[in-house]
Amino acid sequence: MPVRSAIRFDKPPKGSALSDQTTVLDPTPLFLPTDHNASQKKIDWPELGGAFQSYRFKPKLLFNDTNLNIDLPPPVAVPAKPANALTVDAPGALALGFGRPDAQIAPLPRRGASVEIVETRTGQPALSPRAMAQVEKLAAEAQPPGSQAWQPVSFLATVDAAGLFGPLAIEEPRSGVEDVDNYFQDFLERTLHLGERLAPGFYRISVGP
């Protein structure tokens, strides 16, 4: 039985047409260093103990006992009395602002909520500015239960020719207070009457404090 020769992969000799074709069709990214676009300079490591022989300053391993050169800041004169320290560098008018009357700041009126209604398909406002002003006026009179702080909450509404198609769906994350979620769900349906104000379609209603 004849013996088959082994198959092996060998690099083509430099200067041959096959070598040039391999270089042109090389799939290696061009930003990686290769033998054609980068080279590494060979640096000889110094001998043991000679790492700082070429340093431009000679090492100073000892201090001269007769000429100790240490740069110290100039001495500062300490006042004899603590009160004299205030006259060294006076900060200016110490009583500046004293005697001014306290301004009376009226507390902001309590606001129930702010409402934003947009179409889910386009993200555009669903109501005219005049109709939206009426909605905002009614929303400002909302009185959510409890005194606990709550986060903004969003609802999804489906409106057909007969009005709201089912209850409003609450999106996640919610306000953090279940009573507030239920209050505004009922507030939007029964007080703002969104089913009567909106045309048939799908809407996202955002309610914030």
Protein backbone atom coordinates (compact mmCIF):
# COMPACT_ATOMS: atom_id res chain seq x y z
CA MET A 1 0.00 0.00 0.00
CA PRO A 2 1.59 3.31 -1.01
CA VAL A 3 2.37 5.76 1.77
CA ARG A 4 0.67 9.09 1.44
CA SER A 5 2.65 12.17 2.17
CA ALA A 6 1.48 14.35 5.05
CA ILE A 7 -0.40 17.52 4.24
CA ARG A 8 0.91 20.62 5.94
CA PHE A 9 0.45 24.36 5.73
CA ASP A 10 3.50 26.33 4.78
CA LYS A 11 4.02 30.07 4.34
CA PRO A 12 4.71 31.18 0.79
CA PRO A 13 8.14 32.67 0.17
CA LYS A 14 8.43 36.45 0.35
CA GLY A 15 8.20 38.25 -2.97
CA SER A 16 6.01 35.63 -4.61
CA ALA A 17 2.60 36.36 -6.10
CA LEU A 18 0.91 34.14 -3.54
CA SER A 19 2.53 36.09 -0.69
CA ASP A 20 1.31 39.40 -2.12
CA GLN A 21 -2.21 38.01 -2.57
CA THR A 22 -2.24 36.77 1.03
CA THR A 23 -1.21 40.22 2.26
CA VAL A 24 -3.94 41.98 0.30
CA LEU A 25 -6.66 39.54 1.35
CA ASP A 26 -5.55 39.37 4.99
CA PRO A 27 -8.75 39.63 7.13
CA THR A 28 -6.84 41.11 10.08
CA PRO A 29 -8.31 44.53 11.00
CA LEU A 30 -6.16 47.40 9.77
CA PHE A 31 -6.09 49.12 13.16
CA LEU A 32 -4.15 46.19 14.68
CA PRO A 33 -0.36 46.40 14.50
CA THR A 34 1.23 44.20 11.86
CA ASP A 35 4.69 43.82 10.37
CA HIS A 36 3.71 46.26 7.60
CA ASN A 37 2.43 49.21 9.67
CA ALA A 38 4.22 48.98 13.01
CA SER A 39 7.56 48.06 14.43
CA GLN A 40 8.89 47.59 17.93
CA LYS A 41 12.15 49.16 18.94
CA LYS A 42 14.42 46.77 20.68
CA ILE A 43 15.59 48.20 24.00
CA ASP A 44 18.43 46.59 25.87
CA TRP A 45 17.81 46.25 29.59
CA PRO A 46 20.54 47.74 31.79
CA GLU A 47 22.78 45.55 33.77
CA LEU A 48 22.07 44.76 37.37
CA GLY A 49 22.57 47.84 39.51
CA GLY A 50 22.82 50.24 36.56
CA ALA A 51 19.17 51.30 36.11
CA PHE A 52 19.90 54.94 37.09
CA GLN A 53 23.36 55.36 35.57
CA SER A 54 22.04 57.63 32.80
CA TYR A 55 20.02 59.84 35.19
CA ARG A 56 20.95 63.51 34.70
CA PHE A 57 21.23 64.24 38.43
CA LYS A 58 23.76 62.49 40.55
CA PRO A 59 22.30 60.82 43.63
CA LYS A 60 22.77 62.65 46.93
CA LEU A 61 22.93 59.99 49.55
CA LEU A 62 24.24 62.07 52.48
CA PHE A 63 23.57 65.47 54.08
CA ASN A 64 26.44 67.78 54.86
CA ASP A 65 26.59 68.39 58.59
CA THR A 66 28.04 71.91 58.21
CA ASN A 67 25.76 73.18 55.44
CA LEU A 68 22.28 71.74 55.96
CA ASN A 69 20.15 73.30 53.20
CA ILE A 70 16.46 72.94 54.08
CA ASP A 71 13.95 75.42 52.66
CA LEU A 72 11.62 76.49 55.46
CA PRO A 73 8.85 79.12 55.29
CA PRO A 74 9.51 82.45 56.99
CA PRO A 75 8.66 82.58 60.69
CA VAL A 76 5.28 83.92 61.76
CA ALA A 77 4.99 86.26 64.70
CA VAL A 78 2.48 85.00 67.24
CA PRO A 79 0.33 87.80 68.77
CA ALA A 80 0.67 88.34 72.48
CA LYS A 81 -3.12 88.36 72.98
CA PRO A 82 -5.76 86.39 71.06
CA ALA A 83 -7.65 89.62 70.30
CA ASN A 84 -4.62 90.98 68.42
CA ALA A 85 -5.00 88.22 65.83
CA LEU A 86 -8.12 89.96 64.49
CA THR A 87 -6.16 93.06 63.53
CA VAL A 88 -3.58 91.22 61.46
CA ASP A 89 -5.84 90.55 58.48
CA ALA A 90 -9.28 92.02 59.07
CA PRO A 91 -12.01 90.20 57.05
CA GLY A 92 -13.91 93.43 56.32
CA ALA A 93 -17.34 94.46 57.53
CA LEU A 94 -18.21 91.84 60.13
CA ALA A 95 -21.73 93.17 60.67
CA LEU A 96 -22.63 93.24 56.98
CA GLY A 97 -26.26 92.18 56.62
CA PHE A 98 -27.17 92.62 60.28
CA GLY A 99 -30.36 94.54 60.91
CA ARG A 100 -32.10 93.62 57.67
CA PRO A 101 -35.79 92.85 58.08
CA ASP A 102 -36.90 89.26 57.55
CA ALA A 103 -38.81 88.83 54.32
CA GLN A 104 -42.20 87.25 54.70
CA ILE A 105 -42.46 84.34 52.25
CA ALA A 106 -45.97 83.18 51.63
CA PRO A 107 -46.35 79.39 51.31
CA LEU A 108 -47.25 78.09 47.90
CA PRO A 109 -50.84 77.03 47.46
CA ARG A 110 -51.42 73.33 47.67
CA ARG A 111 -51.72 71.69 44.28
CA GLY A 112 -53.53 68.43 43.86
CA ALA A 113 -51.90 66.98 40.75
CA SER A 114 -50.76 67.69 37.21
CA VAL A 115 -52.10 65.66 34.28
CA GLU A 116 -50.62 65.04 30.84
CA ILE A 117 -52.55 63.18 28.11
CA VAL A 118 -50.84 62.04 24.89
CA GLU A 119 -51.62 59.60 22.09
CA THR A 120 -49.68 56.36 22.46
CA ARG A 121 -49.01 56.10 18.73
CA THR A 122 -47.61 59.59 18.09
CA GLY A 123 -46.83 60.99 21.56
CA GLN A 124 -48.66 64.21 20.66
CA PRO A 125 -51.06 66.00 23.04
CA ALA A 126 -54.53 64.49 22.81
CA LEU A 127 -56.52 67.62 23.72
CA SER A 128 -56.55 71.20 22.54
CA PRO A 129 -54.91 73.85 24.76
CA ARG A 130 -58.32 75.14 25.83
CA ALA A 131 -59.61 71.69 26.81
CA MET A 132 -56.32 70.87 28.50
CA ALA A 133 -56.54 74.05 30.60
CA GLN A 134 -59.91 72.85 31.93
CA VAL A 135 -58.42 69.44 32.77
CA GLU A 136 -55.46 71.01 34.59
CA LYS A 137 -57.80 73.26 36.59
CA LEU A 138 -59.81 70.26 37.78
CA ALA A 139 -56.65 68.22 38.46
CA ALA A 140 -55.26 71.01 40.66
CA GLU A 141 -58.26 70.54 42.96
CA ALA A 142 -57.58 66.82 43.43
CA GLN A 143 -57.11 65.66 47.02
CA PRO A 144 -55.24 62.33 47.09
CA PRO A 145 -55.67 60.45 50.37
CA GLY A 146 -53.07 60.55 53.13
CA SER A 147 -50.05 62.78 53.61
CA GLN A 148 -47.48 60.29 52.32
CA ALA A 149 -45.31 61.37 49.38
CA TRP A 150 -46.12 59.59 46.12
CA GLN A 151 -44.41 59.18 42.77
CA PRO A 152 -45.84 59.95 39.31
CA VAL A 153 -48.06 57.24 37.87
CA SER A 154 -49.19 56.49 34.31
CA PHE A 155 -52.45 55.04 33.01
CA LEU A 156 -53.38 53.52 29.66
CA ALA A 157 -56.82 54.34 28.29
CA THR A 158 -58.76 52.78 25.42
CA VAL A 159 -61.59 54.96 24.07
CA ASP A 160 -64.21 53.95 21.54
CA ALA A 161 -67.34 55.67 20.24
CA ALA A 162 -69.21 54.91 23.48
CA GLY A 163 -66.44 56.24 25.80
CA LEU A 164 -63.90 54.41 27.89
CA PHE A 165 -63.52 50.77 26.95
CA GLY A 166 -63.05 49.22 30.38
CA PRO A 167 -61.21 50.69 33.39
CA LEU A 168 -57.91 52.51 33.10
CA ALA A 169 -54.85 50.25 33.21
CA ILE A 170 -52.08 51.31 35.60
CA GLU A 171 -48.54 51.09 34.23
CA GLU A 172 -45.50 50.03 36.21
CA PRO A 173 -43.86 51.46 38.23
CA ARG A 174 -46.74 52.82 40.25
CA SER A 175 -46.90 55.79 42.61
CA GLY A 176 -45.84 53.69 45.60
CA VAL A 177 -49.13 54.26 47.45
CA GLU A 178 -51.98 51.95 46.45
CA ASP A 179 -54.67 54.32 47.74
CA VAL A 180 -53.29 57.10 45.54
CA ASP A 181 -53.35 54.82 42.47
CA ASN A 182 -56.97 53.88 43.08
CA TYR A 183 -57.93 57.49 43.82
CA PHE A 184 -56.58 58.87 40.54
CA GLN A 185 -57.96 55.94 38.56
CA ASP A 186 -61.43 56.90 39.79
CA PHE A 187 -60.65 60.63 39.53
CA LEU A 188 -59.78 60.41 35.83
CA GLU A 189 -62.88 58.40 35.00
CA ARG A 190 -65.55 60.14 37.13
CA THR A 191 -64.27 63.68 37.73
CA LEU A 192 -62.36 64.48 34.53
CA HIS A 193 -64.70 62.34 32.36
CA LEU A 194 -61.91 61.38 29.97
CA GLY A 195 -64.19 59.00 28.10
CA GLU A 196 -66.28 61.99 27.00
CA ARG A 197 -63.38 64.34 26.25
CA LEU A 198 -61.20 62.02 24.12
CA ALA A 199 -61.79 60.77 20.60
CA PRO A 200 -61.63 57.01 19.92
CA GLY A 201 -58.07 55.76 20.22
CA PHE A 202 -55.34 54.74 22.68
CA TYR A 203 -53.89 57.21 25.17
CA ARG A 204 -51.29 57.44 27.94
CA ILE A 205 -52.23 59.60 30.92
CA SER A 206 -49.44 60.69 33.30
CA VAL A 207 -50.34 62.05 36.74
CA GLY A 208 -47.72 63.70 38.91
CA PRO A 209 -47.64 65.57 42.22
